[in-house]
Each structure stands twice: as structure tokens, then as C-alpha cells.
Amino acid sequence: MLEERQVQCPYCGEIIDAQVDCSACSHNYIEDCPVCCCPIEYEAEIDADGRLCSLTAFRDDDG
């Protein structure tokens, strides 16, 4: 099950649509920004019922 959320790119500041696979439980993944092509690291928190609780976007080079 995919759920869509809007997030702000931590590089260019644009608001983008992110698709999250809620069947994968809580997880981290990396996807390029469709505007500036920089790699965004996402942290998706999924509850026990398979609903997206939160989605946080980080710079991939934060560390």
C-alpha cells in the first residue's frame, strides 16, 4: 500500500510529493529529489495497522 505525503527537500527547499510503501513497516530509504536530483534520506514511521504516522526528510550527507 502506497501513501503519498508532501515534504520539503532539505537541499533546494522545494515541496515535493513522496510515495511511501506502508507495507514495509517502519524503514529508512533514499530517493533523489525530482527538482534538484540530490539524494534525500527518508525516515518513515508506520504503525501496527500499516498507516503512515510520520515521514521525515534528511540530507544524505548529514551524519
N, C-alpha and C. Protein backbone atom coordinates (compact mmCIF):
# COMPACT_ATOMS: atom_id res chain seq x y z
N MET A 1 0.84 -1.18 0.00
CA MET A 1 0.00 0.00 0.00
C MET A 1 0.89 1.25 0.00
N LEU A 2 0.70 2.10 -0.99
CA LEU A 2 1.47 3.34 -1.08
C LEU A 2 0.67 4.50 -0.50
N GLU A 3 1.36 5.36 0.22
CA GLU A 3 0.75 6.58 0.73
C GLU A 3 1.64 7.75 0.31
N GLU A 4 1.01 8.84 -0.08
CA GLU A 4 1.74 9.99 -0.56
C GLU A 4 1.71 11.10 0.49
N ARG A 5 2.87 11.72 0.70
CA ARG A 5 2.99 12.87 1.60
C ARG A 5 3.82 13.94 0.92
N GLN A 6 3.54 15.19 1.23
CA GLN A 6 4.37 16.27 0.76
C GLN A 6 5.44 16.56 1.80
N VAL A 7 6.67 16.72 1.33
CA VAL A 7 7.80 17.05 2.20
C VAL A 7 8.61 18.15 1.52
N GLN A 8 9.43 18.81 2.31
CA GLN A 8 10.30 19.85 1.77
C GLN A 8 11.69 19.26 1.57
N CYS A 9 12.23 19.44 0.37
CA CYS A 9 13.58 18.94 0.08
C CYS A 9 14.56 19.67 0.99
N PRO A 10 15.40 18.93 1.71
CA PRO A 10 16.37 19.56 2.61
C PRO A 10 17.53 20.23 1.88
N TYR A 11 17.60 20.07 0.57
CA TYR A 11 18.65 20.70 -0.23
C TYR A 11 18.15 21.99 -0.89
N CYS A 12 17.11 21.86 -1.73
CA CYS A 12 16.66 23.01 -2.53
C CYS A 12 15.45 23.73 -1.93
N GLY A 13 14.79 23.10 -0.95
CA GLY A 13 13.66 23.73 -0.29
C GLY A 13 12.32 23.58 -0.98
N GLU A 14 12.30 22.93 -2.14
CA GLU A 14 11.04 22.73 -2.87
C GLU A 14 10.14 21.73 -2.13
N ILE A 15 8.84 21.94 -2.23
CA ILE A 15 7.87 20.99 -1.70
C ILE A 15 7.67 19.91 -2.77
N ILE A 16 7.87 18.66 -2.39
CA ILE A 16 7.77 17.54 -3.33
C ILE A 16 6.84 16.48 -2.76
N ASP A 17 6.32 15.63 -3.64
CA ASP A 17 5.47 14.51 -3.23
C ASP A 17 6.35 13.28 -3.06
N ALA A 18 6.24 12.66 -1.90
CA ALA A 18 6.99 11.43 -1.62
C ALA A 18 6.00 10.28 -1.48
N GLN A 19 6.30 9.16 -2.10
CA GLN A 19 5.47 7.96 -2.00
C GLN A 19 6.13 6.99 -1.04
N VAL A 20 5.35 6.51 -0.08
CA VAL A 20 5.87 5.61 0.95
C VAL A 20 5.15 4.28 0.88
N ASP A 21 5.92 3.20 0.89
CA ASP A 21 5.37 1.85 0.91
C ASP A 21 5.05 1.50 2.37
N CYS A 22 3.78 1.55 2.72
CA CYS A 22 3.37 1.31 4.11
C CYS A 22 3.35 -0.17 4.47
N SER A 23 3.50 -1.06 3.51
CA SER A 23 3.54 -2.49 3.81
C SER A 23 4.92 -2.90 4.31
N ALA A 24 5.90 -2.00 4.25
CA ALA A 24 7.27 -2.32 4.63
C ALA A 24 7.58 -2.02 6.09
N CYS A 25 6.57 -1.73 6.92
CA CYS A 25 6.76 -1.34 8.32
C CYS A 25 7.64 -0.09 8.38
N SER A 26 8.07 0.29 9.56
CA SER A 26 8.92 1.47 9.68
C SER A 26 10.26 1.19 9.01
N HIS A 27 10.77 2.17 8.25
CA HIS A 27 12.00 1.95 7.50
C HIS A 27 12.60 3.27 7.04
N ASN A 28 13.84 3.22 6.64
CA ASN A 28 14.55 4.34 6.03
C ASN A 28 14.82 3.99 4.58
N TYR A 29 14.80 5.01 3.73
CA TYR A 29 15.14 4.79 2.33
C TYR A 29 15.67 6.09 1.73
N ILE A 30 16.34 5.99 0.60
CA ILE A 30 16.92 7.15 -0.07
C ILE A 30 16.29 7.26 -1.45
N GLU A 31 15.91 8.49 -1.79
CA GLU A 31 15.32 8.77 -3.10
C GLU A 31 15.79 10.15 -3.53
N ASP A 32 16.09 10.31 -4.81
CA ASP A 32 16.56 11.60 -5.31
C ASP A 32 15.42 12.60 -5.41
N CYS A 33 15.71 13.85 -5.11
CA CYS A 33 14.75 14.94 -5.27
C CYS A 33 14.46 15.09 -6.77
N PRO A 34 13.19 15.15 -7.17
CA PRO A 34 12.87 15.30 -8.58
C PRO A 34 13.19 16.69 -9.13
N VAL A 35 13.48 17.64 -8.25
CA VAL A 35 13.79 19.01 -8.69
C VAL A 35 15.30 19.20 -8.83
N CYS A 36 16.06 18.92 -7.74
CA CYS A 36 17.49 19.20 -7.76
C CYS A 36 18.36 17.94 -7.88
N CYS A 37 17.74 16.76 -7.86
CA CYS A 37 18.41 15.46 -8.04
C CYS A 37 19.35 15.06 -6.90
N CYS A 38 19.30 15.75 -5.76
CA CYS A 38 20.12 15.37 -4.61
C CYS A 38 19.47 14.22 -3.86
N PRO A 39 20.28 13.34 -3.24
CA PRO A 39 19.73 12.17 -2.54
C PRO A 39 19.15 12.53 -1.17
N ILE A 40 17.85 12.34 -1.02
CA ILE A 40 17.16 12.62 0.24
C ILE A 40 17.01 11.31 1.01
N GLU A 41 17.37 11.32 2.28
CA GLU A 41 17.14 10.15 3.13
C GLU A 41 15.81 10.36 3.86
N TYR A 42 14.92 9.40 3.71
CA TYR A 42 13.61 9.46 4.35
C TYR A 42 13.56 8.48 5.51
N GLU A 43 12.89 8.89 6.58
CA GLU A 43 12.60 8.01 7.71
C GLU A 43 11.09 7.92 7.82
N ALA A 44 10.54 6.74 7.53
CA ALA A 44 9.10 6.52 7.55
C ALA A 44 8.72 5.72 8.78
N GLU A 45 7.78 6.26 9.55
CA GLU A 45 7.28 5.55 10.72
C GLU A 45 5.87 5.05 10.41
N ILE A 46 5.71 3.73 10.43
CA ILE A 46 4.45 3.06 10.10
C ILE A 46 3.90 2.41 11.36
N ASP A 47 2.60 2.59 11.65
CA ASP A 47 2.03 1.98 12.84
C ASP A 47 1.68 0.51 12.58
N ALA A 48 1.18 -0.16 13.61
CA ALA A 48 0.89 -1.60 13.53
C ALA A 48 -0.24 -1.91 12.54
N ASP A 49 -1.07 -0.91 12.23
CA ASP A 49 -2.16 -1.10 11.28
C ASP A 49 -1.76 -0.77 9.84
N GLY A 50 -0.47 -0.44 9.63
CA GLY A 50 0.02 -0.16 8.30
C GLY A 50 -0.24 1.26 7.82
N ARG A 51 -0.47 2.19 8.75
CA ARG A 51 -0.69 3.59 8.39
C ARG A 51 0.57 4.40 8.63
N LEU A 52 0.82 5.34 7.76
CA LEU A 52 1.99 6.21 7.88
C LEU A 52 1.75 7.21 9.00
N CYS A 53 2.59 7.16 10.02
CA CYS A 53 2.48 8.10 11.16
C CYS A 53 3.29 9.35 10.89
N SER A 54 4.50 9.18 10.38
CA SER A 54 5.35 10.34 10.09
C SER A 54 6.34 9.99 9.00
N LEU A 55 6.76 11.04 8.30
CA LEU A 55 7.78 10.92 7.26
C LEU A 55 8.70 12.11 7.41
N THR A 56 9.98 11.84 7.65
CA THR A 56 10.97 12.88 7.86
C THR A 56 12.01 12.79 6.75
N ALA A 57 12.39 13.96 6.21
CA ALA A 57 13.37 14.02 5.13
C ALA A 57 14.65 14.65 5.67
N PHE A 58 15.78 14.01 5.40
CA PHE A 58 17.10 14.47 5.83
C PHE A 58 18.03 14.58 4.64
N ARG A 59 19.03 15.41 4.78
CA ARG A 59 20.12 15.41 3.80
C ARG A 59 20.88 14.11 3.93
N ASP A 60 21.25 13.51 2.83
CA ASP A 60 22.00 12.26 2.84
C ASP A 60 23.41 12.48 3.39
N ASP A 61 23.92 13.70 3.30
CA ASP A 61 25.28 13.97 3.79
C ASP A 61 25.33 14.43 5.24
N ASP A 62 24.17 14.46 5.96
CA ASP A 62 24.16 14.73 7.40
C ASP A 62 24.65 13.46 8.07
N GLY A 63 25.52 13.64 9.01
CA GLY A 63 25.93 12.39 9.54
C GLY A 63 26.62 12.35 10.77
